[in-house]
Amino acid sequence: MSNTALALLPLALAYIMFTLGTGLKPSDFKVIASNPKAFFVGLVNQVIFVPLVALAVVLLMSPPPAIAFGIMLISFCPGGVTSNMLTYYAKGNVALSVALTGVVSLLSVVTLPILITLAFNYFMKDQAGSISALKIGVVMFLLTTLPVTLGMLARYKFTDFMVRRSSILNGLASLFFVLIVFAAIATNWQLLQEQLTSIGLELVFIIIILFALSILTSKAMQLSWFDTKTIAIETSIQNSTTAITLAPIIMGTAVGLPAIALPAAVYGVLMYVVALPVIALIRNKN
């Protein structure tokens, strides 16, 4: 990957987060007040259970340090518009999904720097250099929180235009996502060939466990099936674009994407392979 392409990665992520913001409106967050229990369960699952499940799988299967850290990195990232789309397909509570995506994305400016620093110090302790939680926090604000906020503002100020152009905006965001995943895979092709089976198995385990755990926690809190399958999808689907974009920033890479971006790239494909059949089974289940 050239220096120019690498430099464009943050801009692509910022645009994707901007499109997420254009799909949000103040009324989307009313579900927090009207359905606080479901929102709380989804928030806890996303922020706490996802990293814990990823950590358990990584410690159990012991992948190389860079791969282990890369898996943890994707687990720290919030969901994206993909989870909202899949919730719609699953006939779930789209308002709840959108609210969770928006809130967790805004919270990531605080949660990601802390979790990334802890994971880096544990899994990459033999790696030369160190990372700055403050720097990651600033980057997260500029690439996620600020674009989401600007997208919401644009939706508020230019509602008709944004609604009419939503398909074009989202289509371009999807194209950026595909290109970013392809770039991460192409840059680490040899490592992918060596580690694909291991990485794929670990990520599949994580996705399936999160689906099952989300259903159990939701049922334990006596949530409706409408909310339960929404939380299961929102918990299991992460924003791999964020992880891929952060990878060279974390590692200080000037050329090409580092190995820690590979799990996120593989995940960007596998999440559809695993999630779509499951969603097809649960969408009409009462």
Protein backbone atom coordinates (compact mmCIF):
# COMPACT_ATOMS: atom_id res chain seq x y z
CA MET A 1 0.00 0.00 0.00
CA SER A 2 1.42 3.38 -1.01
CA ASN A 3 1.91 6.30 1.37
CA THR A 4 -0.91 8.16 -0.40
CA ALA A 5 -3.37 5.29 0.02
CA LEU A 6 -2.35 4.89 3.66
CA ALA A 7 -2.91 8.59 4.27
CA LEU A 8 -6.40 8.33 2.75
CA LEU A 9 -7.49 5.60 5.17
CA PRO A 10 -8.42 8.04 7.98
CA LEU A 11 -10.39 10.15 5.51
CA ALA A 12 -12.30 7.07 4.36
CA LEU A 13 -13.13 6.15 7.96
CA ALA A 14 -14.19 9.73 8.72
CA TYR A 15 -16.51 9.65 5.70
CA ILE A 16 -18.01 6.32 6.76
CA MET A 17 -18.67 7.70 10.25
CA PHE A 18 -20.14 10.85 8.71
CA THR A 19 -22.63 8.71 6.78
CA LEU A 20 -23.49 6.97 10.05
CA GLY A 21 -24.25 10.39 11.52
CA THR A 22 -26.45 11.37 8.57
CA GLY A 23 -28.63 8.38 9.37
CA LEU A 24 -29.13 9.51 12.97
CA LYS A 25 -31.72 11.95 14.24
CA PRO A 26 -32.62 13.06 17.79
CA SER A 27 -35.75 10.92 17.81
CA ASP A 28 -33.60 7.80 17.35
CA PHE A 29 -32.32 8.24 20.90
CA LYS A 30 -35.80 8.34 22.45
CA VAL A 31 -35.57 4.55 22.71
CA ILE A 32 -33.04 5.06 25.54
CA ALA A 33 -35.81 6.60 27.66
CA SER A 34 -38.67 4.48 26.37
CA ASN A 35 -36.81 1.15 26.56
CA PRO A 36 -33.93 1.69 29.03
CA LYS A 37 -33.54 -1.96 30.06
CA ALA A 38 -32.94 -3.16 26.50
CA PHE A 39 -30.56 -0.28 25.84
CA PHE A 40 -28.60 -1.00 29.04
CA VAL A 41 -28.28 -4.71 28.20
CA GLY A 42 -27.06 -3.87 24.70
CA LEU A 43 -24.59 -1.29 25.99
CA VAL A 44 -23.10 -3.65 28.59
CA ASN A 45 -22.85 -6.46 26.04
CA GLN A 46 -21.10 -4.22 23.51
CA VAL A 47 -18.68 -2.43 25.79
CA ILE A 48 -17.88 -5.18 28.32
CA PHE A 49 -18.80 -8.65 27.06
CA VAL A 50 -17.36 -8.33 23.55
CA PRO A 51 -13.78 -7.63 24.75
CA LEU A 52 -14.07 -10.28 27.47
CA VAL A 53 -15.18 -12.97 25.02
CA ALA A 54 -12.41 -11.98 22.59
CA LEU A 55 -9.85 -12.11 25.41
CA ALA A 56 -11.02 -15.56 26.51
CA VAL A 57 -10.77 -16.95 22.96
CA VAL A 58 -7.34 -15.37 22.40
CA LEU A 59 -5.94 -16.70 25.68
CA LEU A 60 -7.36 -20.15 24.95
CA MET A 61 -6.07 -20.41 21.37
CA SER A 62 -2.79 -18.47 21.82
CA PRO A 63 -2.30 -16.89 18.36
CA PRO A 64 0.89 -14.88 17.62
CA PRO A 65 1.04 -11.59 19.58
CA ALA A 66 0.25 -9.34 16.59
CA ILE A 67 -2.77 -11.46 15.65
CA ALA A 68 -3.92 -11.62 19.27
CA PHE A 69 -3.73 -7.86 19.59
CA GLY A 70 -5.47 -7.43 16.24
CA ILE A 71 -8.37 -9.60 17.42
CA MET A 72 -8.62 -7.58 20.61
CA LEU A 73 -8.53 -4.38 18.57
CA ILE A 74 -11.59 -5.36 16.54
CA SER A 75 -13.41 -6.31 19.75
CA PHE A 76 -12.91 -2.79 21.11
CA CYS A 77 -14.50 -1.12 18.10
CA PRO A 78 -18.16 -0.07 18.07
CA GLY A 79 -20.71 -1.41 15.64
CA GLY A 80 -21.43 0.44 12.42
CA VAL A 81 -24.17 0.93 9.87
CA THR A 82 -23.81 -2.76 8.97
CA SER A 83 -25.40 -3.80 12.28
CA ASN A 84 -28.31 -1.43 11.62
CA MET A 85 -28.80 -2.90 8.14
CA LEU A 86 -28.67 -6.49 9.42
CA THR A 87 -31.12 -5.63 12.22
CA TYR A 88 -33.55 -4.35 9.62
CA TYR A 89 -33.14 -7.56 7.62
CA ALA A 90 -33.70 -9.60 10.81
CA LYS A 91 -36.94 -7.70 11.52
CA GLY A 92 -35.46 -6.40 14.76
CA ASN A 93 -35.72 -3.13 16.66
CA VAL A 94 -33.91 -0.80 14.25
CA ALA A 95 -34.38 2.22 16.56
CA LEU A 96 -32.60 0.34 19.38
CA SER A 97 -29.82 -0.75 17.01
CA VAL A 98 -29.29 2.80 15.75
CA ALA A 99 -29.25 4.23 19.28
CA LEU A 100 -26.70 1.64 20.45
CA THR A 101 -24.50 2.21 17.40
CA GLY A 102 -24.59 5.97 17.87
CA VAL A 103 -23.93 5.98 21.62
CA VAL A 104 -21.17 3.35 21.54
CA SER A 105 -19.50 5.16 18.62
CA LEU A 106 -19.50 8.39 20.62
CA LEU A 107 -18.22 6.60 23.73
CA SER A 108 -15.37 5.02 21.76
CA VAL A 109 -13.37 8.22 22.08
CA VAL A 110 -12.96 7.24 25.76
CA THR A 111 -13.16 3.44 25.73
CA LEU A 112 -10.82 2.69 22.82
CA PRO A 113 -7.71 4.56 24.07
CA ILE A 114 -7.93 2.82 27.46
CA LEU A 115 -8.57 -0.68 26.11
CA ILE A 116 -6.05 -0.40 23.28
CA THR A 117 -3.32 0.74 25.68
CA LEU A 118 -4.01 -2.14 28.08
CA ALA A 119 -4.06 -4.72 25.29
CA PHE A 120 -0.94 -3.33 23.61
CA ASN A 121 1.03 -3.41 26.87
CA TYR A 122 0.00 -7.04 27.43
CA PHE A 123 0.22 -8.62 23.98
CA MET A 124 2.85 -6.40 22.37
CA LYS A 125 5.16 -5.90 25.33
CA ASP A 126 8.12 -7.09 23.25
CA GLN A 127 7.31 -4.58 20.51
CA ALA A 128 9.70 -1.64 20.36
CA GLY A 129 8.17 1.68 21.29
CA SER A 130 4.93 2.50 23.05
CA ILE A 131 1.56 4.03 22.30
CA SER A 132 -0.13 7.11 23.67
CA ALA A 133 -3.68 6.81 24.99
CA LEU A 134 -4.06 10.57 24.57
CA LYS A 135 -3.03 10.40 20.91
CA ILE A 136 -5.49 7.56 20.23
CA GLY A 137 -8.22 9.52 22.03
CA VAL A 138 -7.60 12.56 19.83
CA VAL A 139 -7.54 10.38 16.71
CA MET A 140 -10.79 8.70 17.72
CA PHE A 141 -12.43 12.07 18.29
CA LEU A 142 -11.33 13.35 14.88
CA LEU A 143 -12.19 10.17 12.97
CA THR A 144 -15.37 9.00 14.71
CA THR A 145 -17.01 11.34 17.21
CA LEU A 146 -16.56 14.53 15.18
CA PRO A 147 -17.72 13.04 11.82
CA VAL A 148 -20.75 11.39 13.48
CA THR A 149 -21.67 14.71 15.11
CA LEU A 150 -21.21 16.60 11.84
CA GLY A 151 -23.31 13.99 10.04
CA MET A 152 -26.14 14.43 12.56
CA LEU A 153 -25.87 18.21 12.16
CA ALA A 154 -25.99 17.89 8.37
CA ARG A 155 -29.07 15.65 8.68
CA TYR A 156 -30.72 18.26 10.92
CA LYS A 157 -29.86 21.26 8.72
CA PHE A 158 -30.34 19.64 5.29
CA THR A 159 -32.84 16.89 6.05
CA ASP A 160 -34.43 16.61 2.60
CA PHE A 161 -31.10 16.58 0.77
CA MET A 162 -29.55 13.99 3.09
CA VAL A 163 -32.58 11.71 2.91
CA ARG A 164 -32.71 11.91 -0.90
CA ARG A 165 -28.98 11.22 -1.22
CA SER A 166 -28.76 8.57 1.51
CA SER A 167 -28.44 5.68 -0.95
CA ILE A 168 -25.55 7.38 -2.74
CA LEU A 169 -23.81 8.29 0.53
CA ASN A 170 -24.20 4.78 1.93
CA GLY A 171 -23.16 3.18 -1.35
CA LEU A 172 -19.93 5.16 -1.38
CA ALA A 173 -19.32 4.23 2.26
CA SER A 174 -19.77 0.55 1.38
CA LEU A 175 -17.27 0.93 -1.46
CA PHE A 176 -14.73 2.46 0.92
CA PHE A 177 -15.29 -0.43 3.32
CA VAL A 178 -14.63 -3.04 0.62
CA LEU A 179 -11.47 -1.24 -0.54
CA ILE A 180 -10.12 -0.94 3.01
CA VAL A 181 -10.69 -4.64 3.70
CA PHE A 182 -9.10 -5.58 0.37
CA ALA A 183 -6.06 -3.37 1.09
CA ALA A 184 -5.50 -4.95 4.50
CA ILE A 185 -5.70 -8.46 3.05
CA ALA A 186 -3.46 -7.66 0.08
CA THR A 187 -0.81 -6.02 2.24
CA ASN A 188 -0.61 -9.05 4.56
CA TRP A 189 -1.28 -11.76 1.98
CA GLN A 190 1.56 -14.07 3.01
CA LEU A 191 0.66 -13.85 6.68
CA LEU A 192 -2.98 -14.44 5.77
CA GLN A 193 -2.08 -17.66 3.98
CA GLU A 194 -0.18 -18.83 7.07
CA GLN A 195 -2.76 -17.79 9.65
CA LEU A 196 -6.12 -17.86 7.82
CA THR A 197 -7.39 -21.10 9.37
CA SER A 198 -6.39 -20.01 12.88
CA ILE A 199 -7.68 -16.44 12.55
CA GLY A 200 -10.89 -17.56 10.90
CA LEU A 201 -11.60 -20.16 13.57
CA GLU A 202 -10.98 -17.71 16.40
CA LEU A 203 -13.19 -15.04 14.87
CA VAL A 204 -15.99 -17.50 14.11
CA PHE A 205 -15.88 -18.68 17.73
CA ILE A 206 -16.12 -15.09 18.94
CA ILE A 207 -19.06 -14.22 16.70
CA ILE A 208 -21.02 -17.36 17.58
CA ILE A 209 -20.34 -17.03 21.31
CA LEU A 210 -21.45 -13.39 21.24
CA PHE A 211 -24.67 -14.30 19.44
CA ALA A 212 -25.45 -16.98 22.05
CA LEU A 213 -24.36 -14.87 25.03
CA SER A 214 -26.44 -11.91 23.89
CA ILE A 215 -29.54 -14.07 23.58
CA LEU A 216 -28.95 -15.51 27.05
CA THR A 217 -28.39 -12.15 28.73
CA SER A 218 -31.39 -10.63 26.98
CA LYS A 219 -33.63 -13.51 27.99
CA ALA A 220 -32.30 -13.34 31.56
CA MET A 221 -33.45 -9.71 31.63
CA GLN A 222 -36.82 -10.81 30.18
CA LEU A 223 -36.53 -8.76 27.02
CA SER A 224 -38.80 -9.34 24.05
CA TRP A 225 -37.56 -11.38 21.09
CA PHE A 226 -37.83 -8.17 19.05
CA ASP A 227 -35.15 -6.58 21.28
CA THR A 228 -33.22 -9.80 21.91
CA LYS A 229 -32.27 -10.46 18.31
CA THR A 230 -31.42 -6.77 17.89
CA ILE A 231 -28.95 -6.90 20.79
CA ALA A 232 -27.50 -10.17 19.48
CA ILE A 233 -26.75 -8.58 16.11
CA GLU A 234 -25.49 -5.30 17.58
CA THR A 235 -23.15 -7.18 19.93
CA SER A 236 -21.79 -9.55 17.30
CA ILE A 237 -21.11 -7.05 14.50
CA GLN A 238 -18.15 -4.69 14.91
CA ASN A 239 -16.82 -1.86 12.75
CA SER A 240 -13.75 -3.50 11.20
CA THR A 241 -12.96 -0.32 9.25
CA THR A 242 -12.11 1.46 12.49
CA ALA A 243 -9.68 -1.28 13.52
CA ILE A 244 -7.96 -1.37 10.12
CA THR A 245 -7.59 2.42 10.06
CA LEU A 246 -6.22 2.56 13.61
CA ALA A 247 -3.67 -0.22 12.98
CA PRO A 248 -0.98 1.87 11.21
CA ILE A 249 -1.55 4.75 13.65
CA ILE A 250 -0.98 2.45 16.62
CA MET A 251 2.10 0.82 15.11
CA GLY A 252 3.51 3.99 13.54
CA THR A 253 3.60 2.32 10.12
CA ALA A 254 4.53 4.61 7.23
CA VAL A 255 4.14 2.09 4.40
CA GLY A 256 1.60 -0.71 4.23
CA LEU A 257 -0.81 -1.97 6.84
CA PRO A 258 0.68 -3.82 9.83
CA ALA A 259 -0.18 -7.40 10.73
CA ILE A 260 -2.51 -6.25 13.52
CA ALA A 261 -4.93 -5.06 10.80
CA LEU A 262 -5.31 -8.57 9.35
CA PRO A 263 -7.86 -9.96 11.86
CA ALA A 264 -10.12 -6.96 11.22
CA ALA A 265 -9.87 -7.54 7.46
CA VAL A 266 -10.75 -11.22 7.82
CA TYR A 267 -13.54 -10.29 10.21
CA GLY A 268 -14.93 -7.83 7.67
CA VAL A 269 -15.70 -10.82 5.44
CA LEU A 270 -16.49 -13.48 8.04
CA MET A 271 -19.08 -11.42 9.91
CA TYR A 272 -21.35 -11.71 6.86
CA VAL A 273 -20.60 -15.39 6.33
CA VAL A 274 -21.59 -16.21 9.92
CA ALA A 275 -24.24 -13.58 10.60
CA LEU A 276 -26.40 -13.85 7.46
CA PRO A 277 -27.37 -17.54 7.88
CA VAL A 278 -28.10 -16.97 11.58
CA ILE A 279 -30.21 -13.92 10.81
CA ALA A 280 -32.10 -15.86 8.13
CA LEU A 281 -33.01 -18.40 10.81
CA ILE A 282 -34.08 -15.93 13.50
CA ARG A 283 -35.81 -13.22 11.45
CA ASN A 284 -39.21 -14.96 11.47
CA LYS A 285 -38.81 -16.78 14.78
CA ASN A 286 -41.26 -15.73 17.50
